[in-house]
Amino acid sequence: MHRRAARYVTRTTTAAAGAVATAATSVAAAAVAASIVLSPVAEASSRMDGVRADLQRAVQLNQITEEQALSFEAKLAGRILGQA
């Protein structure tokens, strides 16, 4: 095989492999997005339980104060429970 032919085969094979990898990544991303969109929404009370747990953890790690946690929880409760 001539050098030009060998380079052409190498380039086209590499390009095709890249296209397949890109397509596979796109399909995987679409599958993840669909699973998120189609998953059932948690009930408002269970969402608030998760918010409280996360805020309490943040207070324990000294990332926020207890007052900030209470204020933020109240704001989120209005939004989350208002939608229910």
C-alpha atoms as a PDB file:
ATOM      1  CA  MET A   1       0.000   0.000   0.000  1.00  0.00           C
ATOM      2  CA  HIS A   2       1.275   3.471  -0.804  1.00  0.00           C
ATOM      3  CA  ARG A   3       1.948   5.948   1.985  1.00  0.00           C
ATOM      4  CA  ARG A   4      -0.867   8.224   0.815  1.00  0.00           C
ATOM      5  CA  ALA A   5      -3.327   5.374   0.849  1.00  0.00           C
ATOM      6  CA  ALA A   6      -2.182   4.263   4.288  1.00  0.00           C
ATOM      7  CA  ARG A   7      -2.583   7.825   5.640  1.00  0.00           C
ATOM      8  CA  TYR A   8      -6.061   8.098   4.106  1.00  0.00           C
ATOM      9  CA  VAL A   9      -7.168   4.815   5.659  1.00  0.00           C
ATOM     10  CA  THR A  10      -5.751   5.834   9.038  1.00  0.00           C
ATOM     11  CA  ARG A  11      -7.431   9.245   8.942  1.00  0.00           C
ATOM     12  CA  THR A  12     -10.828   7.956   7.837  1.00  0.00           C
ATOM     13  CA  THR A  13     -10.745   5.161  10.394  1.00  0.00           C
ATOM     14  CA  THR A  14      -9.839   7.604  13.161  1.00  0.00           C
ATOM     15  CA  ALA A  15     -12.554  10.047  12.046  1.00  0.00           C
ATOM     16  CA  ALA A  16     -15.154   7.269  11.948  1.00  0.00           C
ATOM     17  CA  ALA A  17     -14.189   6.102  15.427  1.00  0.00           C
ATOM     18  CA  GLY A  18     -14.505   9.676  16.706  1.00  0.00           C
ATOM     19  CA  ALA A  19     -17.937  10.024  15.129  1.00  0.00           C
ATOM     20  CA  VAL A  20     -19.108   6.776  16.737  1.00  0.00           C
ATOM     21  CA  ALA A  21     -17.814   7.899  20.146  1.00  0.00           C
ATOM     22  CA  THR A  22     -19.586  11.245  19.773  1.00  0.00           C
ATOM     23  CA  ALA A  23     -22.827   9.531  18.764  1.00  0.00           C
ATOM     24  CA  ALA A  24     -22.589   7.137  21.717  1.00  0.00           C
ATOM     25  CA  THR A  25     -22.044  10.063  24.088  1.00  0.00           C
ATOM     26  CA  SER A  26     -25.062  11.865  22.651  1.00  0.00           C
ATOM     27  CA  VAL A  27     -27.246   8.780  23.044  1.00  0.00           C
ATOM     28  CA  ALA A  28     -26.103   8.320  26.646  1.00  0.00           C
ATOM     29  CA  ALA A  29     -26.800  11.972  27.446  1.00  0.00           C
ATOM     30  CA  ALA A  30     -30.268  11.708  25.904  1.00  0.00           C
ATOM     31  CA  ALA A  31     -30.999   8.593  27.962  1.00  0.00           C
ATOM     32  CA  VAL A  32     -29.989  10.335  31.194  1.00  0.00           C
ATOM     33  CA  ALA A  33     -32.084  13.392  30.331  1.00  0.00           C
ATOM     34  CA  ALA A  34     -35.100  11.225  29.545  1.00  0.00           C
ATOM     35  CA  SER A  35     -34.765   9.326  32.812  1.00  0.00           C
ATOM     36  CA  ILE A  36     -34.720  12.609  34.733  1.00  0.00           C
ATOM     37  CA  VAL A  37     -37.710  14.048  32.884  1.00  0.00           C
ATOM     38  CA  LEU A  38     -39.756  10.856  33.130  1.00  0.00           C
ATOM     39  CA  SER A  39     -38.918  10.058  36.768  1.00  0.00           C
ATOM     40  CA  PRO A  40     -41.716  10.671  39.244  1.00  0.00           C
ATOM     41  CA  VAL A  41     -41.539  13.908  41.203  1.00  0.00           C
ATOM     42  CA  ALA A  42     -41.011  13.432  44.918  1.00  0.00           C
ATOM     43  CA  GLU A  43     -43.815  14.519  47.168  1.00  0.00           C
ATOM     44  CA  ALA A  44     -43.466  17.979  48.639  1.00  0.00           C
ATOM     45  CA  SER A  45     -43.077  16.669  52.184  1.00  0.00           C
ATOM     46  CA  SER A  46     -40.263  14.291  51.244  1.00  0.00           C
ATOM     47  CA  ARG A  47     -38.549  17.077  49.313  1.00  0.00           C
ATOM     48  CA  MET A  48     -38.728  19.306  52.392  1.00  0.00           C
ATOM     49  CA  ASP A  49     -37.302  16.489  54.521  1.00  0.00           C
ATOM     50  CA  GLY A  50     -34.331  16.353  52.160  1.00  0.00           C
ATOM     51  CA  VAL A  51     -33.926  20.124  52.279  1.00  0.00           C
ATOM     52  CA  ARG A  52     -33.941  20.070  56.082  1.00  0.00           C
ATOM     53  CA  ALA A  53     -31.345  17.289  56.183  1.00  0.00           C
ATOM     54  CA  ASP A  54     -29.083  19.120  53.727  1.00  0.00           C
ATOM     55  CA  LEU A  55     -29.376  22.392  55.626  1.00  0.00           C
ATOM     56  CA  GLN A  56     -28.692  20.679  58.953  1.00  0.00           C
ATOM     57  CA  ARG A  57     -25.585  19.081  57.462  1.00  0.00           C
ATOM     58  CA  ALA A  58     -24.441  22.492  56.202  1.00  0.00           C
ATOM     59  CA  VAL A  59     -24.915  23.958  59.689  1.00  0.00           C
ATOM     60  CA  GLN A  60     -22.907  21.109  61.248  1.00  0.00           C
ATOM     61  CA  LEU A  61     -20.090  21.756  58.767  1.00  0.00           C
ATOM     62  CA  ASN A  62     -20.193  25.482  59.646  1.00  0.00           C
ATOM     63  CA  GLN A  63     -21.005  26.379  56.059  1.00  0.00           C
ATOM     64  CA  ILE A  64     -24.060  28.397  57.098  1.00  0.00           C
ATOM     65  CA  THR A  65     -25.526  29.593  60.380  1.00  0.00           C
ATOM     66  CA  GLU A  66     -28.660  28.192  61.988  1.00  0.00           C
ATOM     67  CA  GLU A  67     -30.473  31.448  61.196  1.00  0.00           C
ATOM     68  CA  GLN A  68     -29.489  31.231  57.522  1.00  0.00           C
ATOM     69  CA  ALA A  69     -30.709  27.641  57.403  1.00  0.00           C
ATOM     70  CA  LEU A  70     -34.073  28.566  58.888  1.00  0.00           C
ATOM     71  CA  SER A  71     -34.483  31.500  56.517  1.00  0.00           C
ATOM     72  CA  PHE A  72     -33.571  29.447  53.467  1.00  0.00           C
ATOM     73  CA  GLU A  73     -35.848  26.595  54.551  1.00  0.00           C
ATOM     74  CA  ALA A  74     -38.756  29.004  54.917  1.00  0.00           C
ATOM     75  CA  LYS A  75     -38.190  30.390  51.403  1.00  0.00           C
ATOM     76  CA  LEU A  76     -37.983  26.926  49.887  1.00  0.00           C
ATOM     77  CA  ALA A  77     -41.001  25.713  51.824  1.00  0.00           C
ATOM     78  CA  GLY A  78     -43.028  28.504  50.291  1.00  0.00           C
ATOM     79  CA  ARG A  79     -41.944  27.504  46.809  1.00  0.00           C
ATOM     80  CA  ILE A  80     -42.092  23.731  47.199  1.00  0.00           C
ATOM     81  CA  LEU A  81     -45.268  23.511  49.249  1.00  0.00           C
ATOM     82  CA  GLY A  82     -46.886  26.267  47.185  1.00  0.00           C
ATOM     83  CA  GLN A  83     -46.564  24.053  44.088  1.00  0.00           C
ATOM     84  CA  ALA A  84     -48.140  21.025  45.770  1.00  0.00           C
END
